[in-house]
Amino acid sequence: MDRGQQNPSAPDGRLTATTVETFERSLGPMPYMSLSAMVDYGLSDAEIGRYYALPAATITRLRTAWRIISRL
């Protein structure tokens, strides 16, 4: 399946272990820190998604699941 078309969650909206592993491979060895840094740089979910070749909605779900908020 194309990375840009993957389903980021289970039918009930939870992130699954398989999709989290996929995101971790995309975001590198420290996915939480990588995503947190990009948010701190002031990038939008769409910009972060383009950088990591993931849909913006996936970035939004990860930020919500990991409680990463923009401080801007």
C-alpha atoms as a PDB file:
ATOM      1  CA  MET A   1       0.000   0.000   0.000  1.00  0.00           C
ATOM      2  CA  ASP A   2       1.256   3.492  -0.828  1.00  0.00           C
ATOM      3  CA  ARG A   3       2.479   5.277   2.301  1.00  0.00           C
ATOM      4  CA  GLY A   4       0.309   8.300   1.517  1.00  0.00           C
ATOM      5  CA  GLN A   5      -2.837   6.167   1.437  1.00  0.00           C
ATOM      6  CA  GLN A   6      -2.404   4.096   4.582  1.00  0.00           C
ATOM      7  CA  ASN A   7      -5.131   3.973   7.194  1.00  0.00           C
ATOM      8  CA  PRO A   8      -3.613   5.608  10.287  1.00  0.00           C
ATOM      9  CA  SER A   9      -6.011   4.067  12.776  1.00  0.00           C
ATOM     10  CA  ALA A  10      -8.223   1.159  13.698  1.00  0.00           C
ATOM     11  CA  PRO A  11     -11.957   1.418  12.877  1.00  0.00           C
ATOM     12  CA  ASP A  12     -12.599   2.873  16.350  1.00  0.00           C
ATOM     13  CA  GLY A  13     -10.026   5.647  15.789  1.00  0.00           C
ATOM     14  CA  ARG A  14      -7.173   4.215  17.884  1.00  0.00           C
ATOM     15  CA  LEU A  15      -3.687   4.085  16.438  1.00  0.00           C
ATOM     16  CA  THR A  16      -2.716   0.464  15.842  1.00  0.00           C
ATOM     17  CA  ALA A  17       0.697  -1.024  16.650  1.00  0.00           C
ATOM     18  CA  THR A  18       1.329  -1.685  12.959  1.00  0.00           C
ATOM     19  CA  THR A  19       0.630   1.886  11.917  1.00  0.00           C
ATOM     20  CA  VAL A  20       2.627   3.309  14.818  1.00  0.00           C
ATOM     21  CA  GLU A  21       5.598   1.184  13.691  1.00  0.00           C
ATOM     22  CA  THR A  22       5.179   2.569  10.169  1.00  0.00           C
ATOM     23  CA  PHE A  23       5.143   6.134  11.499  1.00  0.00           C
ATOM     24  CA  GLU A  24       8.189   5.442  13.626  1.00  0.00           C
ATOM     25  CA  ARG A  25      10.078   4.229  10.565  1.00  0.00           C
ATOM     26  CA  SER A  26       9.034   7.397   8.731  1.00  0.00           C
ATOM     27  CA  LEU A  27       9.879   9.753  11.595  1.00  0.00           C
ATOM     28  CA  GLY A  28      13.165   8.108  12.560  1.00  0.00           C
ATOM     29  CA  PRO A  29      14.510   6.496  15.735  1.00  0.00           C
ATOM     30  CA  MET A  30      12.892   9.072  18.054  1.00  0.00           C
ATOM     31  CA  PRO A  31       9.504   9.732  16.434  1.00  0.00           C
ATOM     32  CA  TYR A  32       7.985  11.701  19.324  1.00  0.00           C
ATOM     33  CA  MET A  33      10.987  14.022  19.528  1.00  0.00           C
ATOM     34  CA  SER A  34      11.137  14.409  15.743  1.00  0.00           C
ATOM     35  CA  LEU A  35       7.490  15.376  15.497  1.00  0.00           C
ATOM     36  CA  SER A  36       7.712  17.612  18.556  1.00  0.00           C
ATOM     37  CA  ALA A  37      10.695  19.458  17.058  1.00  0.00           C
ATOM     38  CA  MET A  38       8.909  20.031  13.752  1.00  0.00           C
ATOM     39  CA  VAL A  39       5.906  21.448  15.615  1.00  0.00           C
ATOM     40  CA  ASP A  40       8.226  23.674  17.679  1.00  0.00           C
ATOM     41  CA  TYR A  41       9.757  24.965  14.429  1.00  0.00           C
ATOM     42  CA  GLY A  42       6.286  26.284  13.620  1.00  0.00           C
ATOM     43  CA  LEU A  43       5.508  23.911  10.753  1.00  0.00           C
ATOM     44  CA  SER A  44       1.894  23.027  10.012  1.00  0.00           C
ATOM     45  CA  ASP A  45       0.666  19.446   9.923  1.00  0.00           C
ATOM     46  CA  ALA A  46       0.536  19.681   6.124  1.00  0.00           C
ATOM     47  CA  GLU A  47       4.157  20.859   5.941  1.00  0.00           C
ATOM     48  CA  ILE A  48       5.321  18.146   8.340  1.00  0.00           C
ATOM     49  CA  GLY A  49       3.363  15.563   6.367  1.00  0.00           C
ATOM     50  CA  ARG A  50       5.012  16.633   3.115  1.00  0.00           C
ATOM     51  CA  TYR A  51       8.444  16.440   4.712  1.00  0.00           C
ATOM     52  CA  TYR A  52       7.875  12.902   5.989  1.00  0.00           C
ATOM     53  CA  ALA A  53       5.693  11.778   3.033  1.00  0.00           C
ATOM     54  CA  LEU A  54       2.709  11.166   5.334  1.00  0.00           C
ATOM     55  CA  PRO A  55      -0.814  12.579   5.043  1.00  0.00           C
ATOM     56  CA  ALA A  56      -1.477  15.732   7.095  1.00  0.00           C
ATOM     57  CA  ALA A  57      -4.349  13.909   8.830  1.00  0.00           C
ATOM     58  CA  THR A  58      -1.861  11.298  10.033  1.00  0.00           C
ATOM     59  CA  ILE A  59       0.364  13.995  11.526  1.00  0.00           C
ATOM     60  CA  THR A  60      -2.681  15.492  13.240  1.00  0.00           C
ATOM     61  CA  ARG A  61      -3.619  12.104  14.717  1.00  0.00           C
ATOM     62  CA  LEU A  62      -0.083  11.513  15.947  1.00  0.00           C
ATOM     63  CA  ARG A  63       0.069  14.962  17.535  1.00  0.00           C
ATOM     64  CA  THR A  64      -3.245  14.284  19.262  1.00  0.00           C
ATOM     65  CA  ALA A  65      -2.266  10.780  20.403  1.00  0.00           C
ATOM     66  CA  TRP A  66       1.115  11.962  21.670  1.00  0.00           C
ATOM     67  CA  ARG A  67      -0.305  15.224  23.092  1.00  0.00           C
ATOM     68  CA  ILE A  68       2.060  17.435  21.112  1.00  0.00           C
ATOM     69  CA  ILE A  69       0.677  20.957  20.967  1.00  0.00           C
ATOM     70  CA  SER A  70       1.846  24.000  19.074  1.00  0.00           C
ATOM     71  CA  ARG A  71       3.165  26.715  21.339  1.00  0.00           C
ATOM     72  CA  LEU A  72       2.892  29.448  18.722  1.00  0.00           C
END
